[in-house]
């Protein structure tokens, strides 16, 4: 019996040590991933949070060069606005789905919205453009505009808004990968500066 008394406490201590180290490693790994993924940025409305996933760069850049940039951020279009709980729940659910796809490099060349996401965007189009959609003179201008808004998505006609006509990851215009793309200073390579200076000198 004395032998077992000596062994049991040692096993208990070992188990506690292993459990403590394992939990600490998991928490540390989770904190590191959260830091590297800029998790807190997703709580904001800053569109640059979307560029944390580099495959979203063409989508971000095409939005940056559209008229929507002045009026709507990514969240204005792609997140429901009926209540705060649903807004963050949808954002988390959609974000985890995207993160999983991008982590395993399973994203398609041309990305399309899922049905649930398309419904959210359609509702937000109508929410922002309710005056244009419901104006009586629009029914004369486009006969079926009022009824068709319930049967078709807005982008079935307005397909270049706000991400342009080309939607492939390797075919979107402005698909250079700077973050952010809204800098005011222009980066000019040295050889181009020399050419500009030469042309200025020769014109004088």
Protein backbone atom coordinates (compact mmCIF):
# COMPACT_ATOMS: atom_id res chain seq x y z
CA UNK A 1 0.00 0.00 0.00
CA UNK A 2 2.82 2.40 0.78
CA UNK A 3 4.10 2.00 -2.78
CA UNK A 4 0.71 3.13 -4.22
CA UNK A 5 0.54 6.09 -1.89
CA UNK A 6 3.84 7.33 -3.29
CA UNK A 7 2.83 6.79 -6.92
CA UNK A 8 -0.70 8.28 -6.95
CA UNK A 9 0.16 11.88 -5.98
CA UNK A 10 2.90 11.89 -8.63
CA UNK A 11 0.42 10.86 -11.35
CA UNK A 12 -2.05 13.50 -10.19
CA UNK A 13 0.63 16.20 -10.37
CA UNK A 14 1.69 15.07 -13.85
CA UNK A 15 -1.92 15.18 -15.08
CA UNK A 16 -2.36 18.70 -13.74
CA UNK A 17 0.88 19.85 -15.33
CA UNK A 18 -0.08 18.39 -18.72
CA UNK A 19 -3.57 19.93 -18.52
CA UNK A 20 -2.19 23.36 -17.52
CA UNK A 21 0.43 23.39 -20.28
CA UNK A 22 -2.12 22.19 -22.89
CA UNK A 23 -4.66 24.87 -21.93
CA UNK A 24 -1.94 27.54 -21.88
CA UNK A 25 -0.77 26.45 -25.36
CA UNK A 26 -4.33 26.52 -26.73
CA UNK A 27 -5.00 29.97 -25.24
CA UNK A 28 -1.66 31.26 -26.51
CA UNK A 29 -2.29 29.87 -29.99
CA UNK A 30 -5.80 31.35 -30.01
CA UNK A 31 -4.47 34.76 -28.93
CA UNK A 32 -1.74 34.63 -31.59
CA UNK A 33 -4.24 33.73 -34.34
CA UNK A 34 -6.62 36.48 -33.17
CA UNK A 35 -3.75 38.99 -33.23
CA UNK A 36 -2.48 37.91 -36.66
CA UNK A 37 -6.01 37.88 -38.12
CA UNK A 38 -6.76 41.37 -36.71
CA UNK A 39 -9.97 40.00 -35.17
CA UNK A 40 -10.90 43.27 -33.46
CA UNK A 41 -10.95 45.06 -36.83
CA UNK A 42 -14.03 43.03 -37.80
CA UNK A 43 -16.03 44.76 -35.07
CA UNK A 44 -15.64 48.07 -36.90
CA UNK A 45 -17.17 49.42 -40.10
CA UNK A 46 -13.76 50.03 -41.66
CA UNK A 47 -13.73 48.51 -45.18
CA UNK A 48 -10.01 47.78 -44.86
CA UNK A 49 -10.92 44.98 -42.44
CA UNK A 50 -12.09 43.03 -45.48
CA UNK A 51 -8.59 43.18 -46.98
CA UNK A 52 -7.23 41.13 -44.07
CA UNK A 53 -7.98 38.27 -46.46
CA UNK A 54 -5.74 39.08 -49.43
CA UNK A 55 -8.17 37.50 -51.92
CA UNK A 56 -10.58 40.34 -51.13
CA UNK A 57 -8.12 42.94 -52.47
CA UNK A 58 -9.66 43.10 -55.99
CA UNK A 59 -13.15 43.47 -54.49
CA UNK A 60 -11.94 46.21 -52.14
CA UNK A 61 -10.06 48.02 -54.93
CA UNK A 62 -13.02 47.92 -57.32
CA UNK A 63 -15.24 49.37 -54.56
CA UNK A 64 -12.58 52.05 -53.89
CA UNK A 65 -12.90 53.20 -57.52
CA UNK A 66 -16.71 53.26 -57.53
CA UNK A 67 -19.22 55.95 -56.63
CA UNK A 68 -20.45 53.79 -53.72
CA UNK A 69 -17.22 54.51 -51.87
CA UNK A 70 -18.57 57.97 -50.94
CA UNK A 71 -21.82 56.61 -49.50
CA UNK A 72 -21.57 52.97 -48.45
CA UNK A 73 -19.02 50.76 -46.74
CA UNK A 74 -18.87 46.96 -47.03
CA UNK A 75 -21.12 46.56 -43.99
CA UNK A 76 -23.76 48.90 -45.41
CA UNK A 77 -24.35 46.44 -48.25
CA UNK A 78 -23.31 43.01 -46.98
CA UNK A 79 -24.67 42.93 -43.42
CA UNK A 80 -28.35 43.01 -42.31
CA UNK A 81 -29.51 46.17 -40.54
CA UNK A 82 -32.75 45.03 -38.90
CA UNK A 83 -31.14 44.73 -35.44
CA UNK A 84 -27.68 44.83 -33.84
CA UNK A 85 -27.73 41.19 -32.68
CA UNK A 86 -28.55 39.88 -36.15
CA UNK A 87 -25.97 42.22 -37.67
CA UNK A 88 -23.07 40.82 -35.63
CA UNK A 89 -24.37 37.23 -35.74
CA UNK A 90 -24.53 37.32 -39.55
CA UNK A 91 -21.16 39.05 -39.74
CA UNK A 92 -19.53 36.37 -37.55
CA UNK A 93 -21.20 33.47 -39.36
CA UNK A 94 -20.34 34.80 -42.82
CA UNK A 95 -16.82 35.75 -41.72
CA UNK A 96 -16.07 32.29 -40.31
CA UNK A 97 -17.31 30.70 -43.53
CA UNK A 98 -15.09 32.99 -45.62
CA UNK A 99 -12.09 32.47 -43.33
CA UNK A 100 -12.46 28.69 -43.62
CA UNK A 101 -12.67 28.79 -47.42
CA UNK A 102 -9.72 31.18 -47.77
CA UNK A 103 -7.57 29.29 -45.23
CA UNK A 104 -7.92 26.05 -47.20
CA UNK A 105 -7.44 27.97 -50.48
CA UNK A 106 -10.77 26.69 -51.77
CA UNK A 107 -11.98 30.05 -53.11
CA UNK A 108 -13.14 30.04 -56.75
CA UNK A 109 -11.65 32.34 -59.40
CA UNK A 110 -15.00 34.14 -59.65
CA UNK A 111 -16.79 34.54 -56.33
CA UNK A 112 -20.57 34.66 -56.09
CA UNK A 113 -22.76 35.40 -53.10
CA UNK A 114 -24.63 32.60 -51.42
CA UNK A 115 -28.42 32.85 -51.44
CA UNK A 116 -28.56 34.14 -47.86
CA UNK A 117 -25.96 36.85 -48.58
CA UNK A 118 -27.69 37.85 -51.82
CA UNK A 119 -30.95 38.37 -49.91
CA UNK A 120 -29.17 40.67 -47.43
CA UNK A 121 -27.59 42.73 -50.23
CA UNK A 122 -30.92 42.98 -52.09
CA UNK A 123 -32.67 44.24 -48.93
CA UNK A 124 -29.91 46.80 -48.41
CA UNK A 125 -30.18 48.01 -52.02
CA UNK A 126 -33.88 48.69 -51.47
CA UNK A 127 -33.23 50.17 -48.00
CA UNK A 128 -30.81 52.77 -49.40
CA UNK A 129 -32.60 53.40 -52.70
CA UNK A 130 -36.19 53.20 -51.45
CA UNK A 131 -37.07 56.60 -52.92
CA UNK A 132 -35.90 55.65 -56.41
CA UNK A 133 -37.56 52.24 -56.23
CA UNK A 134 -40.94 53.54 -55.10
CA UNK A 135 -41.19 56.76 -57.12
CA UNK A 136 -44.25 56.72 -59.33
CA UNK A 137 -42.42 58.17 -62.35
CA UNK A 138 -40.07 55.15 -62.34
CA UNK A 139 -42.96 52.85 -63.21
CA UNK A 140 -43.49 54.89 -66.40
CA UNK A 141 -39.79 55.09 -67.17
CA UNK A 142 -39.26 51.33 -66.76
CA UNK A 143 -42.67 49.72 -66.93
CA UNK A 144 -41.95 46.71 -64.72
CA UNK A 145 -39.44 48.29 -62.33
CA UNK A 146 -41.80 48.28 -59.37
CA UNK A 147 -42.91 44.67 -59.69
CA UNK A 148 -39.59 43.25 -60.89
CA UNK A 149 -37.69 44.43 -57.85
CA UNK A 150 -39.35 41.58 -55.95
CA UNK A 151 -38.55 38.92 -58.56
CA UNK A 152 -35.06 39.91 -59.65
CA UNK A 153 -31.99 41.20 -57.88
CA UNK A 154 -30.99 44.81 -58.45
CA UNK A 155 -27.61 43.75 -59.84
CA UNK A 156 -29.21 41.65 -62.56
CA UNK A 157 -29.53 45.02 -64.35
CA UNK A 158 -27.07 47.20 -62.42
CA UNK A 159 -24.33 44.60 -62.71
CA UNK A 160 -21.38 46.99 -62.76
CA UNK A 161 -22.31 48.52 -59.37
CA UNK A 162 -20.18 48.79 -57.30
CA UNK A 163 -17.54 46.18 -58.19
CA UNK A 164 -17.26 46.65 -61.95
CA UNK A 165 -18.03 44.35 -64.85
CA UNK A 166 -15.13 41.93 -64.35
CA UNK A 167 -15.27 39.78 -61.23
CA UNK A 168 -12.39 37.30 -61.48
CA UNK A 169 -9.63 37.42 -58.87
CA UNK A 170 -7.03 37.81 -61.61
CA UNK A 171 -9.05 40.05 -63.96
CA UNK A 172 -10.35 42.89 -61.79
CA UNK A 173 -8.98 46.31 -62.68
CA UNK A 174 -6.72 47.98 -60.10
CA UNK A 175 -5.79 44.55 -58.75
CA UNK A 176 -2.44 45.68 -57.41
CA UNK A 177 -2.32 44.57 -53.81
CA UNK A 178 -1.61 47.70 -51.77
CA UNK A 179 -3.34 48.18 -48.45
CA UNK A 180 -4.80 50.73 -48.37
CA UNK A 181 -5.42 51.91 -51.94
CA UNK A 182 -6.70 55.34 -50.91
CA UNK A 183 -3.35 56.92 -50.14
CA UNK A 184 -2.94 60.49 -51.33
CA UNK A 185 0.79 60.22 -52.13
CA UNK A 186 1.81 58.65 -55.42
CA UNK A 187 4.69 56.17 -55.41
CA UNK A 188 6.82 56.75 -58.52
CA UNK A 189 9.78 54.48 -59.33
CA UNK A 190 13.16 56.14 -59.81
CA UNK A 191 13.39 55.35 -63.54
CA UNK A 192 10.01 56.99 -64.16
CA UNK A 193 11.04 60.11 -62.19
CA UNK A 194 14.12 60.39 -64.44
CA UNK A 195 11.98 60.08 -67.59
CA UNK A 196 9.58 62.75 -66.32
CA UNK A 197 12.48 65.09 -65.49
CA UNK A 198 14.03 64.46 -68.93
CA UNK A 199 10.78 65.25 -70.74
CA UNK A 200 10.34 68.42 -68.65
CA UNK A 201 13.90 69.51 -69.48
CA UNK A 202 13.50 68.86 -73.21
CA UNK A 203 10.17 70.75 -73.34
CA UNK A 204 11.83 73.91 -71.91
